[in-house]
Amino acid sequence: MKNKELFKEIDGVFKAPSKNYYFGKLTYGSPYFYPTKFVSTIISIRKLKSRTIEEIEKKNSVYEHLKNAPINLYSNYPMVRRAKNKIVKIFGNDYYITWGWPISVKTVELGWKDKFESPRFEWAPQFAIFFFNLQFCIWWNAPKLEGQKYTDNDVYYEMILWYINYCDKNIKKAEKEWKWVDGNTKESTWNKNYLK
């Protein structure tokens, strides 16, 4: 669901999420990694370190399905590869070269998954502009409630997802059928303070 649609669905039912901003050095992914095809320096070169035969054999025994894959041959092969890349041999050394665009604009929708027929929050909606080694980000986080030290995105967005996707947009049904309880107090975690 697009962010605009999500905010429209909760308008008048839930308190609006608060906007949090960041502008500065490249720090945050979208949501975890930098966008696809984005390379802040346009081109990046990394000298690869070869594993010993013993290390490769040990890796291959654990990851049989990755036998002879670059991830097994080098100890510093990048785990995340989201831009074009190639391994090049120069003067007897292997180099990992990646290239891409130094500018990216990314809108990230609310991240969640269904687990045991209930929603699980993963990440808040986000808008980000990546520009070389700088970025500007907006996150829509749970509204901060009175007396709260931190916002609680898990409960806030899971309540919203429960209301929209599991209870036919019926807020009374959503509260009545809410499944979660606090592990210590054994009381429902449904928080009426997030409602309008």
N, C-alpha and C. Protein backbone atom coordinates (compact mmCIF):
# COMPACT_ATOMS: atom_id res chain seq x y z
N MET A 1 0.83 -1.17 0.00
CA MET A 1 0.00 0.00 0.00
C MET A 1 0.89 1.25 0.00
N LYS A 2 0.61 2.15 -0.89
CA LYS A 2 1.38 3.39 -0.98
C LYS A 2 1.20 4.21 0.30
N ASN A 3 2.22 4.99 0.64
CA ASN A 3 2.19 5.77 1.88
C ASN A 3 0.99 6.72 1.92
N LYS A 4 0.71 7.36 0.80
CA LYS A 4 -0.41 8.29 0.73
C LYS A 4 -1.72 7.57 1.04
N GLU A 5 -1.90 6.37 0.49
CA GLU A 5 -3.10 5.57 0.75
C GLU A 5 -3.17 5.15 2.21
N LEU A 6 -2.04 4.76 2.78
CA LEU A 6 -1.99 4.34 4.18
C LEU A 6 -2.44 5.48 5.09
N PHE A 7 -1.88 6.68 4.87
CA PHE A 7 -2.22 7.82 5.71
C PHE A 7 -3.70 8.21 5.55
N LYS A 8 -4.24 8.02 4.35
CA LYS A 8 -5.66 8.31 4.10
C LYS A 8 -6.54 7.31 4.86
N GLU A 9 -6.13 6.03 4.88
CA GLU A 9 -6.89 4.98 5.56
C GLU A 9 -7.01 5.21 7.06
N ILE A 10 -5.97 5.79 7.67
CA ILE A 10 -5.97 5.95 9.14
C ILE A 10 -6.47 7.33 9.57
N ASP A 11 -6.68 8.23 8.61
CA ASP A 11 -7.13 9.58 8.92
C ASP A 11 -8.47 9.53 9.65
N GLY A 12 -8.56 10.18 10.80
CA GLY A 12 -9.79 10.21 11.58
C GLY A 12 -9.94 9.03 12.53
N VAL A 13 -9.08 8.01 12.39
CA VAL A 13 -9.16 6.82 13.25
C VAL A 13 -7.96 6.78 14.19
N PHE A 14 -6.76 6.91 13.61
CA PHE A 14 -5.51 6.90 14.38
C PHE A 14 -4.89 8.28 14.35
N LYS A 15 -4.10 8.59 15.36
CA LYS A 15 -3.32 9.82 15.33
C LYS A 15 -2.32 9.71 14.19
N ALA A 16 -2.05 10.82 13.53
CA ALA A 16 -1.12 10.81 12.40
C ALA A 16 0.30 10.53 12.89
N PRO A 17 1.08 9.79 12.10
CA PRO A 17 2.47 9.56 12.49
C PRO A 17 3.26 10.86 12.49
N SER A 18 4.31 10.91 13.28
CA SER A 18 5.14 12.12 13.33
C SER A 18 6.28 11.98 12.32
N LYS A 19 6.68 13.09 11.76
CA LYS A 19 7.78 13.09 10.80
C LYS A 19 9.09 13.32 11.52
N ASN A 20 10.07 12.49 11.21
CA ASN A 20 11.43 12.66 11.73
C ASN A 20 12.32 12.91 10.53
N TYR A 21 13.24 13.86 10.65
CA TYR A 21 14.09 14.27 9.54
C TYR A 21 15.56 14.00 9.83
N TYR A 22 16.30 13.78 8.76
CA TYR A 22 17.76 13.67 8.87
C TYR A 22 18.37 14.27 7.61
N PHE A 23 19.40 15.10 7.79
CA PHE A 23 20.20 15.57 6.67
C PHE A 23 21.65 15.51 7.12
N GLY A 24 22.48 14.85 6.35
CA GLY A 24 23.89 14.76 6.72
C GLY A 24 24.62 13.73 5.89
N LYS A 25 25.70 13.22 6.45
CA LYS A 25 26.52 12.22 5.76
C LYS A 25 25.71 10.96 5.52
N LEU A 26 26.05 10.26 4.48
CA LEU A 26 25.39 9.01 4.11
C LEU A 26 25.45 8.04 5.28
N THR A 27 24.29 7.71 5.83
CA THR A 27 24.22 6.88 7.03
C THR A 27 23.16 5.79 6.94
N TYR A 28 21.98 6.14 6.43
CA TYR A 28 20.84 5.24 6.47
C TYR A 28 20.57 4.58 5.12
N GLY A 29 20.12 3.35 5.18
CA GLY A 29 19.72 2.64 3.97
C GLY A 29 18.25 2.84 3.71
N SER A 30 17.72 2.06 2.77
CA SER A 30 16.31 2.20 2.44
C SER A 30 15.65 0.85 2.24
N PRO A 31 15.27 0.12 3.27
CA PRO A 31 15.41 0.48 4.67
C PRO A 31 16.72 0.04 5.28
N TYR A 32 17.32 -1.06 4.78
CA TYR A 32 18.57 -1.54 5.40
C TYR A 32 19.80 -1.23 4.54
N PHE A 33 19.65 -1.31 3.24
CA PHE A 33 20.78 -1.14 2.33
C PHE A 33 20.57 0.10 1.47
N TYR A 34 21.63 0.54 0.84
CA TYR A 34 21.49 1.66 -0.09
C TYR A 34 20.68 1.21 -1.29
N PRO A 35 20.05 2.15 -1.99
CA PRO A 35 19.18 1.77 -3.11
C PRO A 35 19.93 1.00 -4.20
N THR A 36 19.19 0.23 -4.97
CA THR A 36 19.75 -0.50 -6.10
C THR A 36 20.38 0.49 -7.08
N LYS A 37 21.51 0.14 -7.63
CA LYS A 37 22.26 0.92 -8.62
C LYS A 37 22.90 2.19 -8.06
N PHE A 38 22.82 2.40 -6.72
CA PHE A 38 23.42 3.59 -6.12
C PHE A 38 24.84 3.28 -5.65
N VAL A 39 25.80 4.09 -6.11
CA VAL A 39 27.19 4.03 -5.63
C VAL A 39 27.61 5.48 -5.40
N SER A 40 27.85 5.84 -4.15
CA SER A 40 28.08 7.24 -3.80
C SER A 40 29.28 7.86 -4.50
N THR A 41 30.25 7.04 -4.90
CA THR A 41 31.47 7.55 -5.54
C THR A 41 31.49 7.26 -7.05
N ILE A 42 30.40 6.85 -7.62
CA ILE A 42 30.22 6.46 -9.03
C ILE A 42 30.90 5.13 -9.32
N ILE A 43 32.16 5.00 -8.91
CA ILE A 43 32.88 3.74 -9.08
C ILE A 43 33.65 3.44 -7.80
N SER A 44 33.68 2.18 -7.44
CA SER A 44 34.37 1.77 -6.22
C SER A 44 35.22 0.55 -6.52
N ILE A 45 36.45 0.53 -5.99
CA ILE A 45 37.37 -0.57 -6.23
C ILE A 45 37.85 -1.12 -4.89
N ARG A 46 37.79 -2.43 -4.75
CA ARG A 46 38.23 -3.10 -3.52
C ARG A 46 39.16 -4.25 -3.89
N LYS A 47 40.33 -4.28 -3.28
CA LYS A 47 41.24 -5.40 -3.49
C LYS A 47 40.72 -6.58 -2.68
N LEU A 48 40.53 -7.70 -3.35
CA LEU A 48 40.00 -8.89 -2.69
C LEU A 48 41.11 -9.71 -2.05
N LYS A 49 40.81 -10.28 -0.90
CA LYS A 49 41.77 -11.12 -0.18
C LYS A 49 41.36 -12.57 -0.36
N SER A 50 42.24 -13.36 -0.93
CA SER A 50 41.93 -14.77 -1.18
C SER A 50 41.97 -15.58 0.10
N ARG A 51 41.08 -16.54 0.19
CA ARG A 51 41.08 -17.48 1.32
C ARG A 51 42.11 -18.57 1.04
N THR A 52 42.58 -19.22 2.08
CA THR A 52 43.47 -20.37 1.91
C THR A 52 42.63 -21.57 1.45
N ILE A 53 43.27 -22.59 0.92
CA ILE A 53 42.58 -23.80 0.48
C ILE A 53 41.78 -24.40 1.64
N GLU A 54 42.36 -24.39 2.84
CA GLU A 54 41.67 -24.94 4.02
C GLU A 54 40.41 -24.14 4.33
N GLU A 55 40.50 -22.81 4.25
CA GLU A 55 39.33 -21.96 4.51
C GLU A 55 38.23 -22.20 3.48
N ILE A 56 38.63 -22.35 2.22
CA ILE A 56 37.65 -22.60 1.14
C ILE A 56 36.96 -23.94 1.37
N GLU A 57 37.74 -24.98 1.70
CA GLU A 57 37.15 -26.30 1.94
C GLU A 57 36.19 -26.28 3.12
N LYS A 58 36.55 -25.54 4.16
CA LYS A 58 35.68 -25.42 5.33
C LYS A 58 34.38 -24.72 4.95
N LYS A 59 34.49 -23.64 4.20
CA LYS A 59 33.31 -22.89 3.75
C LYS A 59 32.44 -23.77 2.86
N ASN A 60 33.06 -24.50 1.93
CA ASN A 60 32.31 -25.34 1.00
C ASN A 60 31.58 -26.46 1.73
N SER A 61 32.14 -26.95 2.81
CA SER A 61 31.46 -28.02 3.56
C SER A 61 30.21 -27.48 4.26
N VAL A 62 30.24 -26.20 4.65
CA VAL A 62 29.09 -25.59 5.31
C VAL A 62 28.07 -25.11 4.27
N TYR A 63 28.57 -24.52 3.19
CA TYR A 63 27.70 -23.96 2.15
C TYR A 63 27.90 -24.72 0.84
N GLU A 64 27.51 -25.97 0.82
CA GLU A 64 27.72 -26.82 -0.35
C GLU A 64 27.09 -26.22 -1.61
N HIS A 65 25.94 -25.57 -1.45
CA HIS A 65 25.24 -24.98 -2.60
C HIS A 65 25.97 -23.77 -3.18
N LEU A 66 26.95 -23.23 -2.45
CA LEU A 66 27.71 -22.08 -2.94
C LEU A 66 29.13 -22.47 -3.37
N LYS A 67 29.35 -23.74 -3.59
CA LYS A 67 30.69 -24.23 -3.92
C LYS A 67 31.28 -23.42 -5.08
N ASN A 68 32.49 -22.94 -4.89
CA ASN A 68 33.25 -22.16 -5.87
C ASN A 68 32.62 -20.80 -6.21
N ALA A 69 31.67 -20.35 -5.41
CA ALA A 69 31.12 -19.01 -5.61
C ALA A 69 32.12 -18.00 -5.05
N PRO A 70 32.15 -16.76 -5.59
CA PRO A 70 33.10 -15.76 -5.09
C PRO A 70 33.02 -15.54 -3.58
N ILE A 71 31.83 -15.70 -3.02
CA ILE A 71 31.69 -15.49 -1.57
C ILE A 71 32.58 -16.46 -0.80
N ASN A 72 32.87 -17.62 -1.36
CA ASN A 72 33.73 -18.60 -0.70
C ASN A 72 35.20 -18.39 -1.00
N LEU A 73 35.52 -17.82 -2.15
CA LEU A 73 36.91 -17.67 -2.56
C LEU A 73 37.63 -16.50 -1.90
N TYR A 74 36.87 -15.47 -1.46
CA TYR A 74 37.47 -14.26 -0.90
C TYR A 74 36.92 -13.98 0.50
N SER A 75 37.79 -13.54 1.39
CA SER A 75 37.35 -13.26 2.75
C SER A 75 36.65 -11.91 2.88
N ASN A 76 36.86 -11.00 1.93
CA ASN A 76 36.25 -9.68 2.02
C ASN A 76 35.33 -9.38 0.84
N TYR A 77 34.76 -10.43 0.24
CA TYR A 77 33.81 -10.24 -0.86
C TYR A 77 32.55 -9.59 -0.27
N PRO A 78 32.02 -8.52 -0.88
CA PRO A 78 30.87 -7.82 -0.30
C PRO A 78 29.65 -8.72 -0.14
N MET A 79 29.03 -8.62 1.00
CA MET A 79 27.83 -9.41 1.26
C MET A 79 26.64 -8.86 0.46
N VAL A 80 26.53 -7.54 0.39
CA VAL A 80 25.43 -6.90 -0.33
C VAL A 80 25.95 -6.32 -1.63
N ARG A 81 25.35 -6.73 -2.74
CA ARG A 81 25.76 -6.26 -4.06
C ARG A 81 24.53 -5.74 -4.78
N ARG A 82 24.34 -4.41 -4.79
CA ARG A 82 23.12 -3.84 -5.35
C ARG A 82 23.37 -3.00 -6.59
N ALA A 83 24.61 -2.93 -7.03
CA ALA A 83 24.94 -2.18 -8.24
C ALA A 83 25.71 -3.11 -9.18
N LYS A 84 25.96 -2.65 -10.40
CA LYS A 84 26.73 -3.46 -11.34
C LYS A 84 28.12 -3.69 -10.78
N ASN A 85 28.64 -4.91 -10.99
CA ASN A 85 29.95 -5.22 -10.42
C ASN A 85 30.67 -6.27 -11.26
N LYS A 86 31.96 -6.34 -11.04
CA LYS A 86 32.80 -7.28 -11.77
C LYS A 86 34.07 -7.53 -10.98
N ILE A 87 34.60 -8.75 -11.10
CA ILE A 87 35.90 -9.06 -10.51
C ILE A 87 36.93 -9.02 -11.63
N VAL A 88 37.99 -8.26 -11.42
CA VAL A 88 39.02 -8.07 -12.44
C VAL A 88 40.37 -8.45 -11.85
N LYS A 89 41.19 -9.16 -12.63
CA LYS A 89 42.54 -9.54 -12.19
C LYS A 89 43.52 -8.55 -12.80
N ILE A 90 44.30 -7.86 -11.94
CA ILE A 90 45.31 -6.90 -12.39
C ILE A 90 46.61 -7.19 -11.64
N PHE A 91 47.68 -7.43 -12.37
CA PHE A 91 49.00 -7.71 -11.80
C PHE A 91 48.93 -8.82 -10.73
N GLY A 92 48.18 -9.87 -11.01
CA GLY A 92 48.10 -11.02 -10.11
C GLY A 92 47.18 -10.83 -8.91
N ASN A 93 46.53 -9.68 -8.80
CA ASN A 93 45.58 -9.43 -7.70
C ASN A 93 44.16 -9.36 -8.24
N ASP A 94 43.21 -9.78 -7.42
CA ASP A 94 41.81 -9.69 -7.80
C ASP A 94 41.19 -8.44 -7.17
N TYR A 95 40.41 -7.72 -7.98
CA TYR A 95 39.75 -6.50 -7.52
C TYR A 95 38.26 -6.60 -7.80
N TYR A 96 37.49 -6.17 -6.83
CA TYR A 96 36.03 -6.10 -6.98
C TYR A 96 35.71 -4.67 -7.36
N ILE A 97 35.13 -4.48 -8.54
CA ILE A 97 34.79 -3.14 -9.02
C ILE A 97 33.28 -3.05 -9.13
N THR A 98 32.73 -1.99 -8.58
CA THR A 98 31.28 -1.74 -8.67
C THR A 98 31.06 -0.32 -9.15
N TRP A 99 30.00 -0.12 -9.92
CA TRP A 99 29.71 1.21 -10.43
C TRP A 99 28.20 1.43 -10.47
N GLY A 100 27.83 2.71 -10.37
CA GLY A 100 26.41 3.04 -10.37
C GLY A 100 26.21 4.55 -10.35
N TRP A 101 24.99 4.96 -10.01
CA TRP A 101 24.63 6.37 -9.99
C TRP A 101 24.85 6.95 -8.59
N PRO A 102 25.38 8.18 -8.49
CA PRO A 102 25.61 8.79 -7.18
C PRO A 102 24.40 9.56 -6.64
N ILE A 103 23.28 9.50 -7.38
CA ILE A 103 22.06 10.20 -6.97
C ILE A 103 20.89 9.21 -7.03
N SER A 104 20.08 9.21 -5.99
CA SER A 104 18.91 8.34 -5.98
C SER A 104 17.82 8.96 -5.10
N VAL A 105 16.58 8.82 -5.56
CA VAL A 105 15.43 9.26 -4.78
C VAL A 105 14.60 8.02 -4.51
N LYS A 106 14.28 7.78 -3.25
CA LYS A 106 13.64 6.52 -2.88
C LYS A 106 12.48 6.75 -1.91
N THR A 107 11.31 6.21 -2.25
CA THR A 107 10.17 6.18 -1.35
C THR A 107 10.00 4.75 -0.89
N VAL A 108 9.94 4.56 0.42
CA VAL A 108 9.82 3.23 1.00
C VAL A 108 8.48 3.12 1.70
N GLU A 109 7.71 2.12 1.34
CA GLU A 109 6.41 1.90 1.96
C GLU A 109 6.59 1.17 3.29
N LEU A 110 5.55 1.19 4.11
CA LEU A 110 5.55 0.50 5.39
C LEU A 110 5.96 -0.95 5.19
N GLY A 111 6.98 -1.38 5.92
CA GLY A 111 7.46 -2.75 5.81
C GLY A 111 6.84 -3.64 6.88
N TRP A 112 6.24 -4.74 6.43
CA TRP A 112 5.64 -5.67 7.38
C TRP A 112 5.49 -7.03 6.74
N LYS A 113 5.22 -8.03 7.57
CA LYS A 113 4.97 -9.37 7.06
C LYS A 113 3.85 -10.00 7.88
N ASP A 114 3.22 -11.00 7.30
CA ASP A 114 2.20 -11.75 8.00
C ASP A 114 2.87 -12.96 8.63
N LYS A 115 2.70 -13.13 9.93
CA LYS A 115 3.29 -14.27 10.62
C LYS A 115 2.25 -14.84 11.57
N PHE A 116 1.91 -16.09 11.38
CA PHE A 116 0.89 -16.75 12.20
C PHE A 116 -0.42 -15.98 12.18
N GLU A 117 -0.81 -15.55 10.99
CA GLU A 117 -2.07 -14.83 10.76
C GLU A 117 -2.20 -13.55 11.57
N SER A 118 -1.07 -12.85 11.71
CA SER A 118 -1.08 -11.54 12.35
C SER A 118 0.09 -10.73 11.78
N PRO A 119 -0.01 -9.38 11.82
CA PRO A 119 1.03 -8.55 11.22
C PRO A 119 2.26 -8.40 12.11
N ARG A 120 3.42 -8.28 11.48
CA ARG A 120 4.67 -7.98 12.18
C ARG A 120 5.32 -6.78 11.50
N PHE A 121 5.49 -5.72 12.26
CA PHE A 121 6.13 -4.50 11.76
C PHE A 121 7.61 -4.76 11.47
N GLU A 122 8.11 -4.20 10.35
CA GLU A 122 9.53 -4.32 10.02
C GLU A 122 10.21 -2.96 9.89
N TRP A 123 9.62 -2.02 9.15
CA TRP A 123 10.21 -0.68 9.06
C TRP A 123 9.13 0.35 8.76
N ALA A 124 9.40 1.58 9.20
CA ALA A 124 8.46 2.69 9.03
C ALA A 124 8.53 3.24 7.61
N PRO A 125 7.45 3.87 7.12
CA PRO A 125 7.50 4.52 5.81
C PRO A 125 8.62 5.56 5.79
N GLN A 126 9.22 5.73 4.62
CA GLN A 126 10.39 6.61 4.51
C GLN A 126 10.45 7.25 3.12
N PHE A 127 11.02 8.43 3.07
CA PHE A 127 11.37 9.09 1.81
C PHE A 127 12.82 9.53 1.95
N ALA A 128 13.64 9.24 0.96
CA ALA A 128 15.06 9.60 1.06
C ALA A 128 15.61 10.07 -0.28
N ILE A 129 16.51 11.03 -0.18
CA ILE A 129 17.27 11.50 -1.34
C ILE A 129 18.74 11.22 -1.04
N PHE A 130 19.39 10.46 -1.90
CA PHE A 130 20.81 10.14 -1.77
C PHE A 130 21.55 10.99 -2.80
N PHE A 131 22.57 11.72 -2.36
CA PHE A 131 23.34 12.60 -3.24
C PHE A 131 24.81 12.47 -2.90
N PHE A 132 25.55 11.68 -3.68
CA PHE A 132 26.94 11.38 -3.41
C PHE A 132 27.06 10.87 -1.97
N ASN A 133 27.81 11.56 -1.09
CA ASN A 133 27.96 11.09 0.28
C ASN A 133 27.04 11.79 1.28
N LEU A 134 25.97 12.41 0.76
CA LEU A 134 24.99 13.08 1.61
C LEU A 134 23.62 12.46 1.41
N GLN A 135 22.75 12.67 2.39
CA GLN A 135 21.38 12.22 2.21
C GLN A 135 20.42 13.04 3.05
N PHE A 136 19.19 13.08 2.57
CA PHE A 136 18.08 13.71 3.28
C PHE A 136 17.01 12.64 3.44
N CYS A 137 16.51 12.44 4.67
CA CYS A 137 15.51 11.40 4.94
C CYS A 137 14.36 11.95 5.76
N ILE A 138 13.18 11.42 5.48
CA ILE A 138 12.00 11.64 6.31
C ILE A 138 11.46 10.26 6.66
N TRP A 139 11.21 10.04 7.97
CA TRP A 139 10.54 8.81 8.41
C TRP A 139 9.24 9.21 9.06
N TRP A 140 8.21 8.39 8.87
CA TRP A 140 6.94 8.59 9.54
C TRP A 140 6.88 7.57 10.68
N ASN A 141 7.18 8.03 11.89
CA ASN A 141 7.20 7.16 13.07
C ASN A 141 5.93 7.33 13.89
N ALA A 142 5.73 6.41 14.80
CA ALA A 142 4.58 6.48 15.71
C ALA A 142 4.61 7.82 16.43
N PRO A 143 3.42 8.41 16.68
CA PRO A 143 3.42 9.67 17.43
C PRO A 143 3.92 9.42 18.85
N LYS A 144 4.67 10.38 19.36
CA LYS A 144 5.19 10.24 20.73
C LYS A 144 4.06 10.60 21.70
N LEU A 145 3.77 9.66 22.59
CA LEU A 145 2.69 9.86 23.55
C LEU A 145 3.23 10.48 24.83
N GLU A 146 2.35 11.14 25.55
CA GLU A 146 2.74 11.78 26.80
C GLU A 146 3.30 10.73 27.77
N GLY A 147 4.44 11.04 28.34
CA GLY A 147 5.08 10.13 29.29
C GLY A 147 5.95 9.07 28.64
N GLN A 148 5.94 9.00 27.32
CA GLN A 148 6.75 8.01 26.60
C GLN A 148 8.13 8.58 26.35
N LYS A 149 9.15 7.78 26.62
CA LYS A 149 10.52 8.21 26.34
C LYS A 149 10.83 8.02 24.86
N TYR A 150 10.33 6.90 24.30
CA TYR A 150 10.57 6.58 22.89
C TYR A 150 9.25 6.26 22.21
N THR A 151 9.22 6.43 20.91
CA THR A 151 8.02 6.05 20.17
C THR A 151 8.01 4.52 20.02
N ASP A 152 6.83 3.96 19.85
CA ASP A 152 6.69 2.51 19.73
C ASP A 152 6.10 2.16 18.37
N ASN A 153 6.97 2.11 17.36
CA ASN A 153 6.52 1.80 16.02
C ASN A 153 5.87 0.42 15.92
N ASP A 154 6.38 -0.54 16.68
CA ASP A 154 5.83 -1.90 16.60
C ASP A 154 4.33 -1.90 16.91
N VAL A 155 3.95 -1.41 18.07
CA VAL A 155 2.54 -1.44 18.47
C VAL A 155 1.71 -0.55 17.56
N TYR A 156 2.18 0.66 17.30
CA TYR A 156 1.42 1.62 16.48
C TYR A 156 1.10 1.05 15.10
N TYR A 157 2.13 0.63 14.39
CA TYR A 157 1.89 0.15 13.02
C TYR A 157 1.21 -1.22 12.99
N GLU A 158 1.46 -2.07 13.99
CA GLU A 158 0.76 -3.36 14.01
C GLU A 158 -0.73 -3.15 14.31
N MET A 159 -1.07 -2.16 15.14
CA MET A 159 -2.48 -1.82 15.36
C MET A 159 -3.13 -1.36 14.05
N ILE A 160 -2.41 -0.53 13.31
CA ILE A 160 -2.93 -0.03 12.04
C ILE A 160 -3.11 -1.18 11.05
N LEU A 161 -2.10 -2.03 10.94
CA LEU A 161 -2.19 -3.17 10.01
C LEU A 161 -3.31 -4.12 10.42
N TRP A 162 -3.46 -4.35 11.71
CA TRP A 162 -4.52 -5.21 12.23
C TRP A 162 -5.88 -4.64 11.84
N TYR A 163 -6.05 -3.34 12.03
CA TYR A 163 -7.29 -2.63 11.70
C TYR A 163 -7.60 -2.71 10.21
N ILE A 164 -6.60 -2.45 9.37
CA ILE A 164 -6.83 -2.39 7.91
C ILE A 164 -6.96 -3.77 7.29
N ASN A 165 -6.04 -4.67 7.60
CA ASN A 165 -5.94 -5.94 6.87
C ASN A 165 -6.63 -7.14 7.53
N TYR A 166 -6.92 -7.06 8.81
CA TYR A 166 -7.45 -8.23 9.51
C TYR A 166 -8.84 -8.01 10.10
N CYS A 167 -9.28 -6.76 10.19
CA CYS A 167 -10.56 -6.48 10.85
C CYS A 167 -11.48 -5.60 10.01
N ASP A 168 -11.32 -5.64 8.71
CA ASP A 168 -12.24 -4.95 7.78
C ASP A 168 -12.42 -3.47 8.10
N LYS A 169 -11.38 -2.83 8.60
CA LYS A 169 -11.39 -1.41 8.95
C LYS A 169 -12.48 -1.08 9.97
N ASN A 170 -12.68 -2.01 10.90
CA ASN A 170 -13.63 -1.83 11.98
C ASN A 170 -12.83 -1.72 13.28
N ILE A 171 -12.73 -0.51 13.83
CA ILE A 171 -11.84 -0.27 14.97
C ILE A 171 -12.30 -1.01 16.23
N LYS A 172 -13.61 -1.17 16.43
CA LYS A 172 -14.12 -1.91 17.60
C LYS A 172 -13.76 -3.39 17.49
N LYS A 173 -13.92 -3.93 16.30
CA LYS A 173 -13.55 -5.34 16.06
C LYS A 173 -12.04 -5.52 16.25
N ALA A 174 -11.26 -4.54 15.78
CA ALA A 174 -9.79 -4.62 15.89
C ALA A 174 -9.36 -4.68 17.35
N GLU A 175 -9.95 -3.83 18.18
CA GLU A 175 -9.59 -3.83 19.60
C GLU A 175 -10.03 -5.12 20.28
N LYS A 176 -11.22 -5.56 19.96
CA LYS A 176 -11.79 -6.77 20.59
C LYS A 176 -10.97 -8.02 20.24
N GLU A 177 -10.51 -8.12 18.99
CA GLU A 177 -9.81 -9.32 18.53
C GLU A 177 -8.28 -9.23 18.61
N TRP A 178 -7.76 -8.12 19.14
CA TRP A 178 -6.31 -7.92 19.29
C TRP A 178 -5.72 -9.07 20.11
N LYS A 179 -4.66 -9.71 19.62
CA LYS A 179 -4.14 -10.94 20.22
C LYS A 179 -2.98 -10.74 21.21
N TRP A 180 -2.31 -9.60 21.17
CA TRP A 180 -1.05 -9.47 21.91
C TRP A 180 -1.26 -9.03 23.35
N VAL A 181 -0.46 -9.63 24.22
CA VAL A 181 -0.46 -9.23 25.63
C VAL A 181 0.99 -9.00 26.08
N ASP A 182 1.14 -8.13 27.06
CA ASP A 182 2.46 -7.85 27.62
C ASP A 182 2.97 -9.09 28.36
N GLY A 183 4.23 -9.47 28.12
CA GLY A 183 4.81 -10.66 28.74
C GLY A 183 4.86 -10.60 30.26
N ASN A 184 5.00 -9.40 30.83
CA ASN A 184 5.10 -9.26 32.29
C ASN A 184 3.74 -9.08 32.96
N THR A 185 2.96 -8.14 32.42
CA THR A 185 1.67 -7.82 33.07
C THR A 185 0.53 -8.69 32.59
N LYS A 186 0.70 -9.37 31.47
CA LYS A 186 -0.34 -10.21 30.85
C LYS A 186 -1.56 -9.40 30.42
N GLU A 187 -1.40 -8.07 30.28
CA GLU A 187 -2.48 -7.21 29.82
C GLU A 187 -2.31 -6.94 28.33
N SER A 188 -3.41 -6.62 27.67
CA SER A 188 -3.40 -6.35 26.23
C SER A 188 -2.46 -5.18 25.92
N THR A 189 -1.76 -5.27 24.80
CA THR A 189 -0.87 -4.18 24.39
C THR A 189 -1.58 -3.15 23.51
N TRP A 190 -2.87 -3.35 23.25
CA TRP A 190 -3.65 -2.39 22.47
C TRP A 190 -3.58 -1.05 23.18
N ASN A 191 -3.15 0.01 22.48
CA ASN A 191 -2.95 1.31 23.10
C ASN A 191 -3.95 2.31 22.53
N LYS A 192 -4.99 2.59 23.31
CA LYS A 192 -6.04 3.51 22.87
C LYS A 192 -5.52 4.94 22.66
N ASN A 193 -4.36 5.24 23.25
CA ASN A 193 -3.79 6.59 23.10
C ASN A 193 -3.37 6.88 21.66
N TYR A 194 -3.23 5.84 20.84
CA TYR A 194 -2.90 6.05 19.43
C TYR A 194 -4.14 6.36 18.59
N LEU A 195 -5.32 6.21 19.19
CA LEU A 195 -6.57 6.49 18.46
C LEU A 195 -6.94 7.95 18.58
N LYS A 196 -7.67 8.44 17.61
CA LYS A 196 -8.13 9.84 17.64
C LYS A 196 -9.25 10.00 18.62
